[in-house]
Amino acid sequence: MCYVGKATKIFIFIVAVLVVVGFVLGFSIMGLRNLKAHKCSDDYCRKPISSDPVPTTTTSTTAPAYSPPSPPAAESQGPVHA
């Protein structure tokens, strides 16, 4: 048997970890690519149609939240005699 030093063991360990990480990332990217390429045709894959659509216009027909008070009505009691 040949002698394997400490630095060589560390190097082999680092290379093994990088290979495992490469396989994990590679297979996960392939899985995501296949998932995106899948064309859904079943009823399960379709998005539900909303029964209450949200209007896209921003016009408002309601009164504003704050309205200034109206001026006091002038009371007409006739001429004032002193």
PDB file of N, CA and C in Angstrom:
ATOM      1  N   MET A   1       0.830  -1.180   0.000  1.00  0.00           N
ATOM      2  CA  MET A   1       0.000   0.000   0.000  1.00  0.00           C
ATOM      3  C   MET A   1       0.871   1.239   0.000  1.00  0.00           C
ATOM      4  N   CYS A   2       0.322   2.258  -0.658  1.00  0.00           N
ATOM      5  CA  CYS A   2       1.097   3.489  -0.704  1.00  0.00           C
ATOM      6  C   CYS A   2       0.625   4.440   0.384  1.00  0.00           C
ATOM      7  N   TYR A   3       1.465   5.340   0.742  1.00  0.00           N
ATOM      8  CA  TYR A   3       1.185   6.306   1.797  1.00  0.00           C
ATOM      9  C   TYR A   3       0.394   7.478   1.217  1.00  0.00           C
ATOM     10  N   VAL A   4      -0.743   7.853   1.877  1.00  0.00           N
ATOM     11  CA  VAL A   4      -1.548   9.003   1.477  1.00  0.00           C
ATOM     12  C   VAL A   4      -1.466  10.009   2.613  1.00  0.00           C
ATOM     13  N   GLY A   5      -0.974  11.192   2.287  1.00  0.00           N
ATOM     14  CA  GLY A   5      -0.788  12.215   3.304  1.00  0.00           C
ATOM     15  C   GLY A   5      -2.088  12.917   3.676  1.00  0.00           C
ATOM     16  N   LYS A   6      -1.967  13.759   4.687  1.00  0.00           N
ATOM     17  CA  LYS A   6      -3.133  14.481   5.202  1.00  0.00           C
ATOM     18  C   LYS A   6      -3.694  15.446   4.164  1.00  0.00           C
ATOM     19  N   ALA A   7      -2.841  16.168   3.466  1.00  0.00           N
ATOM     20  CA  ALA A   7      -3.286  17.134   2.451  1.00  0.00           C
ATOM     21  C   ALA A   7      -3.999  16.434   1.299  1.00  0.00           C
ATOM     22  N   THR A   8      -3.529  15.270   0.926  1.00  0.00           N
ATOM     23  CA  THR A   8      -4.162  14.507  -0.150  1.00  0.00           C
ATOM     24  C   THR A   8      -5.563  14.062   0.263  1.00  0.00           C
ATOM     25  N   LYS A   9      -5.733  13.642   1.503  1.00  0.00           N
ATOM     26  CA  LYS A   9      -7.050  13.233   1.998  1.00  0.00           C
ATOM     27  C   LYS A   9      -8.017  14.423   2.001  1.00  0.00           C
ATOM     28  N   ILE A  10      -7.526  15.587   2.420  1.00  0.00           N
ATOM     29  CA  ILE A  10      -8.373  16.784   2.414  1.00  0.00           C
ATOM     30  C   ILE A  10      -8.766  17.135   0.987  1.00  0.00           C
ATOM     31  N   PHE A  11      -7.821  17.052   0.049  1.00  0.00           N
ATOM     32  CA  PHE A  11      -8.107  17.361  -1.359  1.00  0.00           C
ATOM     33  C   PHE A  11      -9.159  16.404  -1.913  1.00  0.00           C
ATOM     34  N   ILE A  12      -9.020  15.134  -1.638  1.00  0.00           N
ATOM     35  CA  ILE A  12      -9.982  14.136  -2.134  1.00  0.00           C
ATOM     36  C   ILE A  12     -11.355  14.395  -1.526  1.00  0.00           C
ATOM     37  N   PHE A  13     -11.407  14.766  -0.250  1.00  0.00           N
ATOM     38  CA  PHE A  13     -12.674  15.065   0.394  1.00  0.00           C
ATOM     39  C   PHE A  13     -13.348  16.271  -0.257  1.00  0.00           C
ATOM     40  N   ILE A  14     -12.595  17.328  -0.526  1.00  0.00           N
ATOM     41  CA  ILE A  14     -13.162  18.531  -1.155  1.00  0.00           C
ATOM     42  C   ILE A  14     -13.678  18.210  -2.547  1.00  0.00           C
ATOM     43  N   VAL A  15     -12.934  17.437  -3.316  1.00  0.00           N
ATOM     44  CA  VAL A  15     -13.377  17.059  -4.665  1.00  0.00           C
ATOM     45  C   VAL A  15     -14.650  16.225  -4.586  1.00  0.00           C
ATOM     46  N   ALA A  16     -14.736  15.316  -3.639  1.00  0.00           N
ATOM     47  CA  ALA A  16     -15.933  14.479  -3.495  1.00  0.00           C
ATOM     48  C   ALA A  16     -17.146  15.329  -3.142  1.00  0.00           C
ATOM     49  N   VAL A  17     -16.978  16.314  -2.242  1.00  0.00           N
ATOM     50  CA  VAL A  17     -18.087  17.196  -1.873  1.00  0.00           C
ATOM     51  C   VAL A  17     -18.541  18.004  -3.086  1.00  0.00           C
ATOM     52  N   LEU A  18     -17.602  18.529  -3.875  1.00  0.00           N
ATOM     53  CA  LEU A  18     -17.960  19.296  -5.067  1.00  0.00           C
ATOM     54  C   LEU A  18     -18.691  18.441  -6.104  1.00  0.00           C
ATOM     55  N   VAL A  19     -18.303  17.192  -6.233  1.00  0.00           N
ATOM     56  CA  VAL A  19     -18.986  16.291  -7.170  1.00  0.00           C
ATOM     57  C   VAL A  19     -20.423  16.043  -6.714  1.00  0.00           C
ATOM     58  N   VAL A  20     -20.620  15.811  -5.433  1.00  0.00           N
ATOM     59  CA  VAL A  20     -21.972  15.569  -4.916  1.00  0.00           C
ATOM     60  C   VAL A  20     -22.835  16.810  -5.095  1.00  0.00           C
ATOM     61  N   VAL A  21     -22.290  17.995  -4.785  1.00  0.00           N
ATOM     62  CA  VAL A  21     -23.046  19.237  -4.958  1.00  0.00           C
ATOM     63  C   VAL A  21     -23.380  19.449  -6.434  1.00  0.00           C
ATOM     64  N   GLY A  22     -22.465  19.138  -7.325  1.00  0.00           N
ATOM     65  CA  GLY A  22     -22.720  19.260  -8.755  1.00  0.00           C
ATOM     66  C   GLY A  22     -23.850  18.350  -9.219  1.00  0.00           C
ATOM     67  N   PHE A  23     -23.855  17.110  -8.719  1.00  0.00           N
ATOM     68  CA  PHE A  23     -24.938  16.199  -9.089  1.00  0.00           C
ATOM     69  C   PHE A  23     -26.286  16.693  -8.573  1.00  0.00           C
ATOM     70  N   VAL A  24     -26.315  17.167  -7.345  1.00  0.00           N
ATOM     71  CA  VAL A  24     -27.579  17.649  -6.770  1.00  0.00           C
ATOM     72  C   VAL A  24     -28.097  18.845  -7.560  1.00  0.00           C
ATOM     73  N   LEU A  25     -27.241  19.815  -7.833  1.00  0.00           N
ATOM     74  CA  LEU A  25     -27.669  20.988  -8.597  1.00  0.00           C
ATOM     75  C   LEU A  25     -28.064  20.619 -10.022  1.00  0.00           C
ATOM     76  N   GLY A  26     -27.308  19.755 -10.636  1.00  0.00           N
ATOM     77  CA  GLY A  26     -27.616  19.341 -12.010  1.00  0.00           C
ATOM     78  C   GLY A  26     -28.967  18.664 -12.135  1.00  0.00           C
ATOM     79  N   PHE A  27     -29.229  17.720 -11.239  1.00  0.00           N
ATOM     80  CA  PHE A  27     -30.513  17.019 -11.308  1.00  0.00           C
ATOM     81  C   PHE A  27     -31.680  17.928 -10.924  1.00  0.00           C
ATOM     82  N   SER A  28     -31.456  18.865 -10.010  1.00  0.00           N
ATOM     83  CA  SER A  28     -32.551  19.771  -9.657  1.00  0.00           C
ATOM     84  C   SER A  28     -32.861  20.729 -10.801  1.00  0.00           C
ATOM     85  N   ILE A  29     -31.843  21.194 -11.510  1.00  0.00           N
ATOM     86  CA  ILE A  29     -32.081  22.068 -12.669  1.00  0.00           C
ATOM     87  C   ILE A  29     -32.785  21.302 -13.774  1.00  0.00           C
ATOM     88  N   MET A  30     -32.391  20.045 -13.989  1.00  0.00           N
ATOM     89  CA  MET A  30     -33.072  19.231 -15.014  1.00  0.00           C
ATOM     90  C   MET A  30     -34.529  19.004 -14.639  1.00  0.00           C
ATOM     91  N   GLY A  31     -34.802  18.810 -13.354  1.00  0.00           N
ATOM     92  CA  GLY A  31     -36.178  18.609 -12.898  1.00  0.00           C
ATOM     93  C   GLY A  31     -37.018  19.853 -13.104  1.00  0.00           C
ATOM     94  N   LEU A  32     -36.456  21.018 -12.823  1.00  0.00           N
ATOM     95  CA  LEU A  32     -37.196  22.265 -13.017  1.00  0.00           C
ATOM     96  C   LEU A  32     -37.451  22.513 -14.497  1.00  0.00           C
ATOM     97  N   ARG A  33     -36.484  22.189 -15.338  1.00  0.00           N
ATOM     98  CA  ARG A  33     -36.645  22.385 -16.779  1.00  0.00           C
ATOM     99  C   ARG A  33     -37.762  21.488 -17.312  1.00  0.00           C
ATOM    100  N   ASN A  34     -37.826  20.254 -16.840  1.00  0.00           N
ATOM    101  CA  ASN A  34     -38.886  19.344 -17.284  1.00  0.00           C
ATOM    102  C   ASN A  34     -40.243  19.791 -16.755  1.00  0.00           C
ATOM    103  N   LEU A  35     -40.275  20.372 -15.571  1.00  0.00           N
ATOM    104  CA  LEU A  35     -41.532  20.841 -15.001  1.00  0.00           C
ATOM    105  C   LEU A  35     -42.082  22.013 -15.799  1.00  0.00           C
ATOM    106  N   LYS A  36     -41.207  22.921 -16.238  1.00  0.00           N
ATOM    107  CA  LYS A  36     -41.647  24.071 -17.018  1.00  0.00           C
ATOM    108  C   LYS A  36     -42.076  23.664 -18.423  1.00  0.00           C
ATOM    109  N   ALA A  37     -41.471  22.621 -18.970  1.00  0.00           N
ATOM    110  CA  ALA A  37     -41.796  22.192 -20.329  1.00  0.00           C
ATOM    111  C   ALA A  37     -43.102  21.403 -20.379  1.00  0.00           C
ATOM    112  N   HIS A  38     -43.609  20.970 -19.242  1.00  0.00           N
ATOM    113  CA  HIS A  38     -44.842  20.175 -19.187  1.00  0.00           C
ATOM    114  C   HIS A  38     -46.035  21.046 -19.568  1.00  0.00           C
ATOM    115  N   LYS A  39     -46.776  20.602 -20.570  1.00  0.00           N
ATOM    116  CA  LYS A  39     -47.981  21.323 -20.996  1.00  0.00           C
ATOM    117  C   LYS A  39     -49.183  20.703 -20.302  1.00  0.00           C
ATOM    118  N   CYS A  40     -49.884  21.520 -19.546  1.00  0.00           N
ATOM    119  CA  CYS A  40     -51.056  21.043 -18.815  1.00  0.00           C
ATOM    120  C   CYS A  40     -52.272  21.043 -19.735  1.00  0.00           C
ATOM    121  N   SER A  41     -53.003  19.945 -19.751  1.00  0.00           N
ATOM    122  CA  SER A  41     -54.236  19.891 -20.518  1.00  0.00           C
ATOM    123  C   SER A  41     -55.395  19.353 -19.676  1.00  0.00           C
ATOM    124  N   ASP A  42     -55.121  18.923 -18.485  1.00  0.00           N
ATOM    125  CA  ASP A  42     -56.174  18.411 -17.606  1.00  0.00           C
ATOM    126  C   ASP A  42     -56.931  19.551 -16.946  1.00  0.00           C
ATOM    127  N   ASP A  43     -58.113  19.247 -16.434  1.00  0.00           N
ATOM    128  CA  ASP A  43     -58.883  20.245 -15.690  1.00  0.00           C
ATOM    129  C   ASP A  43     -58.170  20.641 -14.405  1.00  0.00           C
ATOM    130  N   TYR A  44     -57.361  19.728 -13.872  1.00  0.00           N
ATOM    131  CA  TYR A  44     -56.639  20.005 -12.634  1.00  0.00           C
ATOM    132  C   TYR A  44     -55.611  21.122 -12.824  1.00  0.00           C
ATOM    133  N   CYS A  45     -55.033  21.219 -14.011  1.00  0.00           N
ATOM    134  CA  CYS A  45     -53.959  22.178 -14.269  1.00  0.00           C
ATOM    135  C   CYS A  45     -54.480  23.564 -14.597  1.00  0.00           C
ATOM    136  N   ARG A  46     -55.729  23.679 -14.980  1.00  0.00           N
ATOM    137  CA  ARG A  46     -56.268  24.975 -15.375  1.00  0.00           C
ATOM    138  C   ARG A  46     -56.521  25.851 -14.164  1.00  0.00           C
ATOM    139  N   LYS A  47     -56.345  27.152 -14.356  1.00  0.00           N
ATOM    140  CA  LYS A  47     -56.612  28.093 -13.271  1.00  0.00           C
ATOM    141  C   LYS A  47     -58.111  28.286 -13.147  1.00  0.00           C
ATOM    142  N   PRO A  48     -58.634  28.387 -11.928  1.00  0.00           N
ATOM    143  CA  PRO A  48     -60.077  28.595 -11.767  1.00  0.00           C
ATOM    144  C   PRO A  48     -60.483  29.977 -12.255  1.00  0.00           C
ATOM    145  N   ILE A  49     -61.662  30.043 -12.847  1.00  0.00           N
ATOM    146  CA  ILE A  49     -62.196  31.313 -13.330  1.00  0.00           C
ATOM    147  C   ILE A  49     -62.911  31.989 -12.176  1.00  0.00           C
ATOM    148  N   SER A  50     -62.569  33.225 -11.913  1.00  0.00           N
ATOM    149  CA  SER A  50     -63.162  33.959 -10.799  1.00  0.00           C
ATOM    150  C   SER A  50     -64.591  34.347 -11.149  1.00  0.00           C
ATOM    151  N   SER A  51     -65.516  34.158 -10.209  1.00  0.00           N
ATOM    152  CA  SER A  51     -66.910  34.510 -10.450  1.00  0.00           C
ATOM    153  C   SER A  51     -67.152  35.992 -10.201  1.00  0.00           C
ATOM    154  N   ASP A  52     -66.245  36.669  -9.516  1.00  0.00           N
ATOM    155  CA  ASP A  52     -66.393  38.086  -9.216  1.00  0.00           C
ATOM    156  C   ASP A  52     -65.151  38.816  -9.730  1.00  0.00           C
ATOM    157  N   PRO A  53     -65.158  39.240 -10.997  1.00  0.00           N
ATOM    158  CA  PRO A  53     -63.950  39.872 -11.534  1.00  0.00           C
ATOM    159  C   PRO A  53     -63.694  41.227 -10.890  1.00  0.00           C
ATOM    160  N   VAL A  54     -62.450  41.564 -10.774  1.00  0.00           N
ATOM    161  CA  VAL A  54     -62.036  42.832 -10.185  1.00  0.00           C
ATOM    162  C   VAL A  54     -61.991  43.873 -11.299  1.00  0.00           C
ATOM    163  N   PRO A  55     -62.686  45.012 -11.143  1.00  0.00           N
ATOM    164  CA  PRO A  55     -62.655  46.029 -12.199  1.00  0.00           C
ATOM    165  C   PRO A  55     -61.261  46.634 -12.318  1.00  0.00           C
ATOM    166  N   THR A  56     -60.896  46.997 -13.540  1.00  0.00           N
ATOM    167  CA  THR A  56     -59.565  47.543 -13.761  1.00  0.00           C
ATOM    168  C   THR A  56     -59.567  49.058 -13.755  1.00  0.00           C
ATOM    169  N   THR A  57     -60.736  49.701 -13.789  1.00  0.00           N
ATOM    170  CA  THR A  57     -60.789  51.153 -13.774  1.00  0.00           C
ATOM    171  C   THR A  57     -60.664  51.659 -12.350  1.00  0.00           C
ATOM    172  N   THR A  58     -60.158  52.888 -12.206  1.00  0.00           N
ATOM    173  CA  THR A  58     -59.956  53.446 -10.875  1.00  0.00           C
ATOM    174  C   THR A  58     -60.872  54.637 -10.619  1.00  0.00           C
ATOM    175  N   THR A  59     -61.883  54.827 -11.467  1.00  0.00           N
ATOM    176  CA  THR A  59     -62.797  55.943 -11.245  1.00  0.00           C
ATOM    177  C   THR A  59     -63.711  55.615 -10.077  1.00  0.00           C
ATOM    178  N   SER A  60     -64.059  56.649  -9.309  1.00  0.00           N
ATOM    179  CA  SER A  60     -64.886  56.447  -8.133  1.00  0.00           C
ATOM    180  C   SER A  60     -66.161  57.274  -8.284  1.00  0.00           C
ATOM    181  N   THR A  61     -67.290  56.669  -7.966  1.00  0.00           N
ATOM    182  CA  THR A  61     -68.570  57.378  -8.052  1.00  0.00           C
ATOM    183  C   THR A  61     -69.112  57.725  -6.673  1.00  0.00           C
ATOM    184  N   THR A  62     -68.394  57.360  -5.626  1.00  0.00           N
ATOM    185  CA  THR A  62     -68.869  57.654  -4.279  1.00  0.00           C
ATOM    186  C   THR A  62     -68.416  59.048  -3.864  1.00  0.00           C
ATOM    187  N   ALA A  63     -69.077  59.584  -2.852  1.00  0.00           N
ATOM    188  CA  ALA A  63     -68.742  60.905  -2.343  1.00  0.00           C
ATOM    189  C   ALA A  63     -67.407  60.839  -1.615  1.00  0.00           C
ATOM    190  N   PRO A  64     -66.687  61.951  -1.569  1.00  0.00           N
ATOM    191  CA  PRO A  64     -65.417  61.926  -0.849  1.00  0.00           C
ATOM    192  C   PRO A  64     -65.648  61.677   0.634  1.00  0.00           C
ATOM    193  N   ALA A  65     -64.630  61.195   1.295  1.00  0.00           N
ATOM    194  CA  ALA A  65     -64.755  60.845   2.707  1.00  0.00           C
ATOM    195  C   ALA A  65     -64.936  62.091   3.574  1.00  0.00           C
ATOM    196  N   TYR A  66     -64.396  63.229   3.157  1.00  0.00           N
ATOM    197  CA  TYR A  66     -64.503  64.454   3.946  1.00  0.00           C
ATOM    198  C   TYR A  66     -65.106  65.537   3.084  1.00  0.00           C
ATOM    199  N   SER A  67     -66.135  66.189   3.593  1.00  0.00           N
ATOM    200  CA  SER A  67     -66.698  67.347   2.893  1.00  0.00           C
ATOM    201  C   SER A  67     -66.732  68.502   3.891  1.00  0.00           C
ATOM    202  N   PRO A  68     -66.329  69.695   3.467  1.00  0.00           N
ATOM    203  CA  PRO A  68     -66.310  70.819   4.403  1.00  0.00           C
ATOM    204  C   PRO A  68     -67.729  71.192   4.834  1.00  0.00           C
ATOM    205  N   PRO A  69     -67.884  71.728   6.036  1.00  0.00           N
ATOM    206  CA  PRO A  69     -69.229  72.080   6.521  1.00  0.00           C
ATOM    207  C   PRO A  69     -69.802  73.235   5.704  1.00  0.00           C
ATOM    208  N   SER A  70     -71.107  73.197   5.552  1.00  0.00           N
ATOM    209  CA  SER A  70     -71.761  74.270   4.795  1.00  0.00           C
ATOM    210  C   SER A  70     -71.845  75.520   5.668  1.00  0.00           C
ATOM    211  N   PRO A  71     -71.841  76.691   5.053  1.00  0.00           N
ATOM    212  CA  PRO A  71     -71.919  77.927   5.851  1.00  0.00           C
ATOM    213  C   PRO A  71     -73.285  78.027   6.522  1.00  0.00           C
ATOM    214  N   PRO A  72     -73.340  78.683   7.685  1.00  0.00           N
ATOM    215  CA  PRO A  72     -74.623  78.786   8.403  1.00  0.00           C
ATOM    216  C   PRO A  72     -75.627  79.602   7.589  1.00  0.00           C
ATOM    217  N   ALA A  73     -76.866  79.188   7.662  1.00  0.00           N
ATOM    218  CA  ALA A  73     -77.923  79.884   6.917  1.00  0.00           C
ATOM    219  C   ALA A  73     -78.232  81.216   7.611  1.00  0.00           C
ATOM    220  N   ALA A  74     -78.404  82.261   6.818  1.00  0.00           N
ATOM    221  CA  ALA A  74     -78.723  83.591   7.372  1.00  0.00           C
ATOM    222  C   ALA A  74     -80.197  83.637   7.743  1.00  0.00           C
ATOM    223  N   GLU A  75     -80.463  84.012   8.958  1.00  0.00           N
ATOM    224  CA  GLU A  75     -81.852  84.075   9.405  1.00  0.00           C
ATOM    225  C   GLU A  75     -82.387  85.470   9.106  1.00  0.00           C
ATOM    226  N   SER A  76     -83.471  85.508   8.445  1.00  0.00           N
ATOM    227  CA  SER A  76     -84.065  86.841   8.143  1.00  0.00           C
ATOM    228  C   SER A  76     -85.284  87.035   9.062  1.00  0.00           C
ATOM    229  N   GLN A  77     -85.109  87.893  10.050  1.00  0.00           N
ATOM    230  CA  GLN A  77     -86.189  88.170  10.990  1.00  0.00           C
ATOM    231  C   GLN A  77     -86.742  89.591  10.753  1.00  0.00           C
ATOM    232  N   GLY A  78     -86.371  90.145   9.666  1.00  0.00           N
ATOM    233  CA  GLY A  78     -86.883  91.496   9.396  1.00  0.00           C
ATOM    234  C   GLY A  78     -85.881  92.530   9.912  1.00  0.00           C
ATOM    235  N   PRO A  79     -86.252  93.777   9.807  1.00  0.00           N
ATOM    236  CA  PRO A  79     -85.345  94.835  10.256  1.00  0.00           C
ATOM    237  C   PRO A  79     -85.231  94.868  11.775  1.00  0.00           C
ATOM    238  N   VAL A  80     -84.049  95.182  12.233  1.00  0.00           N
ATOM    239  CA  VAL A  80     -83.799  95.237  13.659  1.00  0.00           C
ATOM    240  C   VAL A  80     -83.874  96.695  14.072  1.00  0.00           C
ATOM    241  N   HIS A  81     -84.779  97.040  15.036  1.00  0.00           N
ATOM    242  CA  HIS A  81     -84.921  98.406  15.497  1.00  0.00           C
ATOM    243  C   HIS A  81     -84.234  98.549  16.834  1.00  0.00           C
ATOM    244  N   ALA A  82     -83.502  99.557  16.953  1.00  0.00           N
ATOM    245  CA  ALA A  82     -82.797  99.769  18.187  1.00  0.00           C
ATOM    246  C   ALA A  82     -83.491 100.743  19.082  1.00  0.00           C
TER     247      ALA A  82
END
